[in-house]
PDB file of all heavy atoms in Angstrom:
ATOM      1  N   TYR A   1      -2.233  11.429   7.548  1.00  0.00           N
ATOM      2  CA  TYR A   1      -1.188  11.758   6.505  1.00  0.00           C
ATOM      3  C   TYR A   1       0.232  11.853   7.200  1.00  0.00           C
ATOM      4  O   TYR A   1       1.185  11.584   6.445  1.00  0.00           O
ATOM      5  CB  TYR A   1      -1.527  13.081   5.823  1.00  0.00           C
ATOM      6  CG  TYR A   1      -1.601  14.302   6.699  1.00  0.00           C
ATOM      7  CD1 TYR A   1      -0.423  14.912   7.239  1.00  0.00           C
ATOM      8  CD2 TYR A   1      -2.819  14.937   6.981  1.00  0.00           C
ATOM      9  CE1 TYR A   1      -0.475  16.056   8.010  1.00  0.00           C
ATOM     10  CE2 TYR A   1      -2.894  16.018   7.787  1.00  0.00           C
ATOM     11  CZ  TYR A   1      -1.699  16.583   8.238  1.00  0.00           C
ATOM     12  OH  TYR A   1      -1.759  17.762   9.001  1.00  0.00           O
ATOM     13  N   ASP A   2       0.249  12.110   8.453  1.00  0.00           N
ATOM     14  CA  ASP A   2       1.580  12.230   9.070  1.00  0.00           C
ATOM     15  C   ASP A   2       2.477  10.906   8.934  1.00  0.00           C
ATOM     16  O   ASP A   2       3.622  10.974   8.832  1.00  0.00           O
ATOM     17  CB  ASP A   2       1.484  12.551  10.561  1.00  0.00           C
ATOM     18  CG  ASP A   2       1.102  14.036  10.810  1.00  0.00           C
ATOM     19  OD1 ASP A   2       1.494  14.829   9.904  1.00  0.00           O
ATOM     20  OD2 ASP A   2       0.405  14.346  11.836  1.00  0.00           O
ATOM     21  N   GLU A   3       1.634   9.848   8.938  1.00  0.00           N
ATOM     22  CA  GLU A   3       2.430   8.511   8.878  1.00  0.00           C
ATOM     23  C   GLU A   3       2.704   8.130   7.394  1.00  0.00           C
ATOM     24  O   GLU A   3       3.519   7.238   7.177  1.00  0.00           O
ATOM     25  CB  GLU A   3       1.556   7.493   9.575  1.00  0.00           C
ATOM     26  CG  GLU A   3       1.395   7.650  10.989  1.00  0.00           C
ATOM     27  CD  GLU A   3       0.450   6.684  11.626  1.00  0.00           C
ATOM     28  OE1 GLU A   3       0.150   5.753  10.891  1.00  0.00           O
ATOM     29  OE2 GLU A   3       0.184   6.763  12.830  1.00  0.00           O
ATOM     30  N   LYS A   4       2.127   8.796   6.461  1.00  0.00           N
ATOM     31  CA  LYS A   4       2.192   8.370   5.121  1.00  0.00           C
ATOM     32  C   LYS A   4       2.944   9.267   4.154  1.00  0.00           C
ATOM     33  O   LYS A   4       3.270   8.927   3.036  1.00  0.00           O
ATOM     34  CB  LYS A   4       0.838   8.195   4.560  1.00  0.00           C
ATOM     35  CG  LYS A   4       0.007   7.153   5.264  1.00  0.00           C
ATOM     36  CD  LYS A   4      -1.441   7.023   4.691  1.00  0.00           C
ATOM     37  CE  LYS A   4      -2.244   5.971   5.387  1.00  0.00           C
ATOM     38  NZ  LYS A   4      -3.623   5.881   4.860  1.00  0.00           N
ATOM     39  N   LEU A   5       3.332  10.485   4.679  1.00  0.00           N
ATOM     40  CA  LEU A   5       4.005  11.428   3.772  1.00  0.00           C
ATOM     41  C   LEU A   5       5.404  11.698   4.157  1.00  0.00           C
ATOM     42  O   LEU A   5       5.697  11.686   5.365  1.00  0.00           O
ATOM     43  CB  LEU A   5       3.249  12.855   3.885  1.00  0.00           C
ATOM     44  CG  LEU A   5       1.825  12.892   3.219  1.00  0.00           C
ATOM     45  CD1 LEU A   5       1.229  14.300   3.464  1.00  0.00           C
ATOM     46  CD2 LEU A   5       1.899  12.605   1.717  1.00  0.00           C
ATOM     47  N   ASP A   6       6.248  11.818   3.160  1.00  0.00           N
ATOM     48  CA  ASP A   6       7.618  12.313   3.433  1.00  0.00           C
ATOM     49  C   ASP A   6       7.639  13.829   3.159  1.00  0.00           C
ATOM     50  O   ASP A   6       7.262  14.250   2.076  1.00  0.00           O
ATOM     51  CB  ASP A   6       8.657  11.634   2.539  1.00  0.00           C
ATOM     52  CG  ASP A   6       8.763  10.160   2.881  1.00  0.00           C
ATOM     53  OD1 ASP A   6       8.738   9.853   4.118  1.00  0.00           O
ATOM     54  OD2 ASP A   6       8.893   9.342   2.010  1.00  0.00           O
ATOM     55  N   GLY A   7       8.023  14.592   4.103  1.00  0.00           N
ATOM     56  CA  GLY A   7       8.040  16.072   3.913  1.00  0.00           C
ATOM     57  C   GLY A   7       6.827  16.657   4.618  1.00  0.00           C
ATOM     58  O   GLY A   7       5.867  16.049   4.905  1.00  0.00           O
ATOM     59  N   PRO A   8       6.817  18.002   4.851  1.00  0.00           N
ATOM     60  CA  PRO A   8       5.758  18.625   5.547  1.00  0.00           C
ATOM     61  C   PRO A   8       4.452  18.629   4.754  1.00  0.00           C
ATOM     62  O   PRO A   8       4.427  18.786   3.582  1.00  0.00           O
ATOM     63  CB  PRO A   8       6.240  20.091   5.783  1.00  0.00           C
ATOM     64  CG  PRO A   8       7.323  20.196   4.717  1.00  0.00           C
ATOM     65  CD  PRO A   8       7.875  18.890   4.448  1.00  0.00           C
ATOM     66  N   ALA A   9       3.365  18.430   5.486  1.00  0.00           N
ATOM     67  CA  ALA A   9       2.066  18.262   4.811  1.00  0.00           C
ATOM     68  C   ALA A   9       1.650  19.569   4.086  1.00  0.00           C
ATOM     69  O   ALA A   9       0.874  19.539   3.161  1.00  0.00           O
ATOM     70  CB  ALA A   9       1.026  17.913   5.887  1.00  0.00           C
ATOM     71  N   TRP A  10       2.075  20.738   4.614  1.00  0.00           N
ATOM     72  CA  TRP A  10       1.606  21.999   4.008  1.00  0.00           C
ATOM     73  C   TRP A  10       2.061  22.052   2.453  1.00  0.00           C
ATOM     74  O   TRP A  10       1.361  22.745   1.673  1.00  0.00           O
ATOM     75  CB  TRP A  10       2.176  23.204   4.690  1.00  0.00           C
ATOM     76  CG  TRP A  10       3.685  23.369   4.819  1.00  0.00           C
ATOM     77  CD1 TRP A  10       4.462  22.947   5.770  1.00  0.00           C
ATOM     78  CD2 TRP A  10       4.479  24.061   3.825  1.00  0.00           C
ATOM     79  NE1 TRP A  10       5.757  23.324   5.512  1.00  0.00           N
ATOM     80  CE2 TRP A  10       5.798  24.059   4.397  1.00  0.00           C
ATOM     81  CE3 TRP A  10       4.252  24.713   2.670  1.00  0.00           C
ATOM     82  CZ2 TRP A  10       6.905  24.584   3.595  1.00  0.00           C
ATOM     83  CZ3 TRP A  10       5.345  25.229   1.949  1.00  0.00           C
ATOM     84  CH2 TRP A  10       6.635  25.244   2.496  1.00  0.00           C
ATOM     85  N   ILE A  11       3.132  21.361   2.156  1.00  0.00           N
ATOM     86  CA  ILE A  11       3.537  21.426   0.678  1.00  0.00           C
ATOM     87  C   ILE A  11       2.378  20.812  -0.201  1.00  0.00           C
ATOM     88  O   ILE A  11       2.023  21.264  -1.167  1.00  0.00           O
ATOM     89  CB  ILE A  11       4.860  20.675   0.519  1.00  0.00           C
ATOM     90  CG1 ILE A  11       6.024  21.499   0.960  1.00  0.00           C
ATOM     91  CG2 ILE A  11       5.057  20.321  -0.956  1.00  0.00           C
ATOM     92  CD1 ILE A  11       6.347  22.705   0.242  1.00  0.00           C
ATOM     93  N   TYR A  12       1.935  19.646   0.318  1.00  0.00           N
ATOM     94  CA  TYR A  12       0.898  18.979  -0.447  1.00  0.00           C
ATOM     95  C   TYR A  12      -0.446  19.696  -0.263  1.00  0.00           C
ATOM     96  O   TYR A  12      -1.198  19.705  -1.282  1.00  0.00           O
ATOM     97  CB  TYR A  12       0.798  17.511   0.097  1.00  0.00           C
ATOM     98  CG  TYR A  12       2.150  16.764  -0.020  1.00  0.00           C
ATOM     99  CD1 TYR A  12       3.042  16.710   1.054  1.00  0.00           C
ATOM    100  CD2 TYR A  12       2.499  16.210  -1.226  1.00  0.00           C
ATOM    101  CE1 TYR A  12       4.181  16.006   0.906  1.00  0.00           C
ATOM    102  CE2 TYR A  12       3.696  15.508  -1.396  1.00  0.00           C
ATOM    103  CZ  TYR A  12       4.513  15.432  -0.292  1.00  0.00           C
ATOM    104  OH  TYR A  12       5.778  14.782  -0.439  1.00  0.00           O
ATOM    105  N   LEU A  13      -0.756  20.250   0.839  1.00  0.00           N
ATOM    106  CA  LEU A  13      -1.945  20.977   1.044  1.00  0.00           C
ATOM    107  C   LEU A  13      -2.061  22.217   0.120  1.00  0.00           C
ATOM    108  O   LEU A  13      -3.028  22.436  -0.470  1.00  0.00           O
ATOM    109  CB  LEU A  13      -2.116  21.427   2.484  1.00  0.00           C
ATOM    110  CG  LEU A  13      -2.599  20.434   3.522  1.00  0.00           C
ATOM    111  CD1 LEU A  13      -2.423  20.957   4.924  1.00  0.00           C
ATOM    112  CD2 LEU A  13      -4.072  20.121   3.246  1.00  0.00           C
ATOM    113  N   GLN A  14      -0.928  22.986   0.013  1.00  0.00           N
ATOM    114  CA  GLN A  14      -0.901  24.085  -0.909  1.00  0.00           C
ATOM    115  C   GLN A  14      -1.113  23.570  -2.330  1.00  0.00           C
ATOM    116  O   GLN A  14      -1.741  24.350  -3.216  1.00  0.00           O
ATOM    117  CB  GLN A  14       0.358  24.889  -0.718  1.00  0.00           C
ATOM    118  CG  GLN A  14       0.400  25.647   0.500  1.00  0.00           C
ATOM    119  CD  GLN A  14       1.546  26.623   0.520  1.00  0.00           C
ATOM    120  OE1 GLN A  14       2.454  26.531  -0.299  1.00  0.00           O
ATOM    121  NE2 GLN A  14       1.606  27.454   1.592  1.00  0.00           N
ATOM    122  N   SER A  15      -0.615  22.466  -2.675  1.00  0.00           N
ATOM    123  CA  SER A  15      -0.732  21.947  -4.039  1.00  0.00           C
ATOM    124  C   SER A  15      -2.150  21.528  -4.371  1.00  0.00           C
ATOM    125  O   SER A  15      -2.509  21.454  -5.494  1.00  0.00           O
ATOM    126  CB  SER A  15       0.205  20.726  -4.216  1.00  0.00           C
ATOM    127  OG  SER A  15       1.576  21.140  -3.894  1.00  0.00           O
ATOM    128  N   LEU A  16      -2.950  21.250  -3.383  1.00  0.00           N
ATOM    129  CA  LEU A  16      -4.328  20.793  -3.519  1.00  0.00           C
ATOM    130  C   LEU A  16      -5.348  21.852  -3.513  1.00  0.00           C
ATOM    131  O   LEU A  16      -6.504  21.703  -3.851  1.00  0.00           O
ATOM    132  CB  LEU A  16      -4.629  19.774  -2.467  1.00  0.00           C
ATOM    133  CG  LEU A  16      -3.979  18.351  -2.585  1.00  0.00           C
ATOM    134  CD1 LEU A  16      -4.172  17.619  -1.360  1.00  0.00           C
ATOM    135  CD2 LEU A  16      -4.626  17.650  -3.711  1.00  0.00           C
ATOM    136  N   ARG A  17      -4.940  23.059  -3.058  1.00  0.00           N
ATOM    137  CA  ARG A  17      -5.989  24.081  -2.762  1.00  0.00           C
ATOM    138  C   ARG A  17      -6.521  24.741  -4.032  1.00  0.00           C
ATOM    139  O   ARG A  17      -5.695  25.307  -4.863  1.00  0.00           O
ATOM    140  CB  ARG A  17      -5.349  25.137  -1.911  1.00  0.00           C
ATOM    141  CG  ARG A  17      -6.340  26.203  -1.337  1.00  0.00           C
ATOM    142  CD  ARG A  17      -5.582  27.135  -0.371  1.00  0.00           C
ATOM    143  NE  ARG A  17      -5.048  26.408   0.765  1.00  0.00           N
ATOM    144  CZ  ARG A  17      -4.092  26.913   1.515  1.00  0.00           C
ATOM    145  NH1 ARG A  17      -3.567  28.051   1.285  1.00  0.00           N
ATOM    146  NH2 ARG A  17      -3.625  26.179   2.532  1.00  0.00           N
ATOM    147  N   ASN A  18      -7.804  24.833  -4.244  1.00  0.00           N
ATOM    148  CA  ASN A  18      -8.389  25.496  -5.359  1.00  0.00           C
ATOM    149  C   ASN A  18      -8.107  27.008  -5.190  1.00  0.00           C
ATOM    150  O   ASN A  18      -8.220  27.579  -4.145  1.00  0.00           O
ATOM    151  CB  ASN A  18      -9.868  25.285  -5.459  1.00  0.00           C
ATOM    152  CG  ASN A  18     -10.225  24.073  -6.229  1.00  0.00           C
ATOM    153  OD1 ASN A  18     -10.676  24.211  -7.403  1.00  0.00           O
ATOM    154  ND2 ASN A  18     -10.064  22.889  -5.655  1.00  0.00           N
ATOM    155  N   GLN A  19      -7.632  27.604  -6.297  1.00  0.00           N
ATOM    156  CA  GLN A  19      -7.267  29.045  -6.236  1.00  0.00           C
ATOM    157  C   GLN A  19      -8.472  29.896  -5.989  1.00  0.00           C
ATOM    158  O   GLN A  19      -8.377  30.910  -5.254  1.00  0.00           O
ATOM    159  CB  GLN A  19      -6.668  29.446  -7.567  1.00  0.00           C
ATOM    160  CG  GLN A  19      -5.405  28.709  -7.893  1.00  0.00           C
ATOM    161  CD  GLN A  19      -4.959  28.766  -9.334  1.00  0.00           C
ATOM    162  OE1 GLN A  19      -4.108  29.525  -9.728  1.00  0.00           O
ATOM    163  NE2 GLN A  19      -5.572  27.911 -10.125  1.00  0.00           N
ATOM    164  N   ILE A  20      -9.689  29.560  -6.456  1.00  0.00           N
ATOM    165  CA  ILE A  20     -10.844  30.345  -6.278  1.00  0.00           C
ATOM    166  C   ILE A  20     -11.224  30.482  -4.836  1.00  0.00           C
ATOM    167  O   ILE A  20     -11.761  31.522  -4.397  1.00  0.00           O
ATOM    168  CB  ILE A  20     -11.991  29.775  -7.125  1.00  0.00           C
ATOM    169  CG1 ILE A  20     -13.167  30.728  -7.177  1.00  0.00           C
ATOM    170  CG2 ILE A  20     -12.494  28.431  -6.530  1.00  0.00           C
ATOM    171  CD1 ILE A  20     -14.329  30.315  -8.137  1.00  0.00           C
ATOM    172  N   SER A  21     -10.879  29.522  -3.968  1.00  0.00           N
ATOM    173  CA  SER A  21     -11.204  29.596  -2.596  1.00  0.00           C
ATOM    174  C   SER A  21     -10.433  30.657  -1.860  1.00  0.00           C
ATOM    175  O   SER A  21     -10.915  31.254  -0.881  1.00  0.00           O
ATOM    176  CB  SER A  21     -10.929  28.220  -1.903  1.00  0.00           C
ATOM    177  OG  SER A  21      -9.592  27.915  -1.890  1.00  0.00           O
ATOM    178  N   ARG A  22      -9.283  31.003  -2.373  1.00  0.00           N
ATOM    179  CA  ARG A  22      -8.469  32.044  -1.664  1.00  0.00           C
ATOM    180  C   ARG A  22      -8.744  33.413  -2.120  1.00  0.00           C
ATOM    181  O   ARG A  22      -8.186  34.326  -1.517  1.00  0.00           O
ATOM    182  CB  ARG A  22      -6.925  31.686  -1.940  1.00  0.00           C
ATOM    183  CG  ARG A  22      -6.584  30.311  -1.384  1.00  0.00           C
ATOM    184  CD  ARG A  22      -5.143  29.951  -1.664  1.00  0.00           C
ATOM    185  NE  ARG A  22      -4.231  30.940  -1.117  1.00  0.00           N
ATOM    186  CZ  ARG A  22      -2.970  31.049  -1.455  1.00  0.00           C
ATOM    187  NH1 ARG A  22      -2.440  30.253  -2.340  1.00  0.00           N
ATOM    188  NH2 ARG A  22      -2.151  31.901  -0.868  1.00  0.00           N
ATOM    189  N   ILE A  23      -9.530  33.604  -3.177  1.00  0.00           N
ATOM    190  CA  ILE A  23      -9.865  34.912  -3.636  1.00  0.00           C
ATOM    191  C   ILE A  23     -11.322  35.163  -3.486  1.00  0.00           C
ATOM    192  O   ILE A  23     -11.900  36.179  -3.984  1.00  0.00           O
ATOM    193  CB  ILE A  23      -9.426  35.269  -5.092  1.00  0.00           C
ATOM    194  CG1 ILE A  23     -10.078  34.192  -6.035  1.00  0.00           C
ATOM    195  CG2 ILE A  23      -7.898  35.145  -5.183  1.00  0.00           C
ATOM    196  CD1 ILE A  23      -9.783  34.443  -7.503  1.00  0.00           C
ATOM    197  N   SER A  24     -11.984  34.345  -2.694  1.00  0.00           N
ATOM    198  CA  SER A  24     -13.450  34.440  -2.422  1.00  0.00           C
ATOM    199  C   SER A  24     -13.712  34.559  -0.898  1.00  0.00           C
ATOM    200  O   SER A  24     -12.912  34.125  -0.083  1.00  0.00           O
ATOM    201  CB  SER A  24     -14.187  33.190  -2.994  1.00  0.00           C
ATOM    202  OG  SER A  24     -13.987  33.064  -4.313  1.00  0.00           O
TER     203      SER A  24
END
């Protein structure tokens, strides 16, 4: 992804994370 994304990857990672995983 480093070669394919503009902007830091964490922005996209946070956008992809299921909410249930963070409260479980």
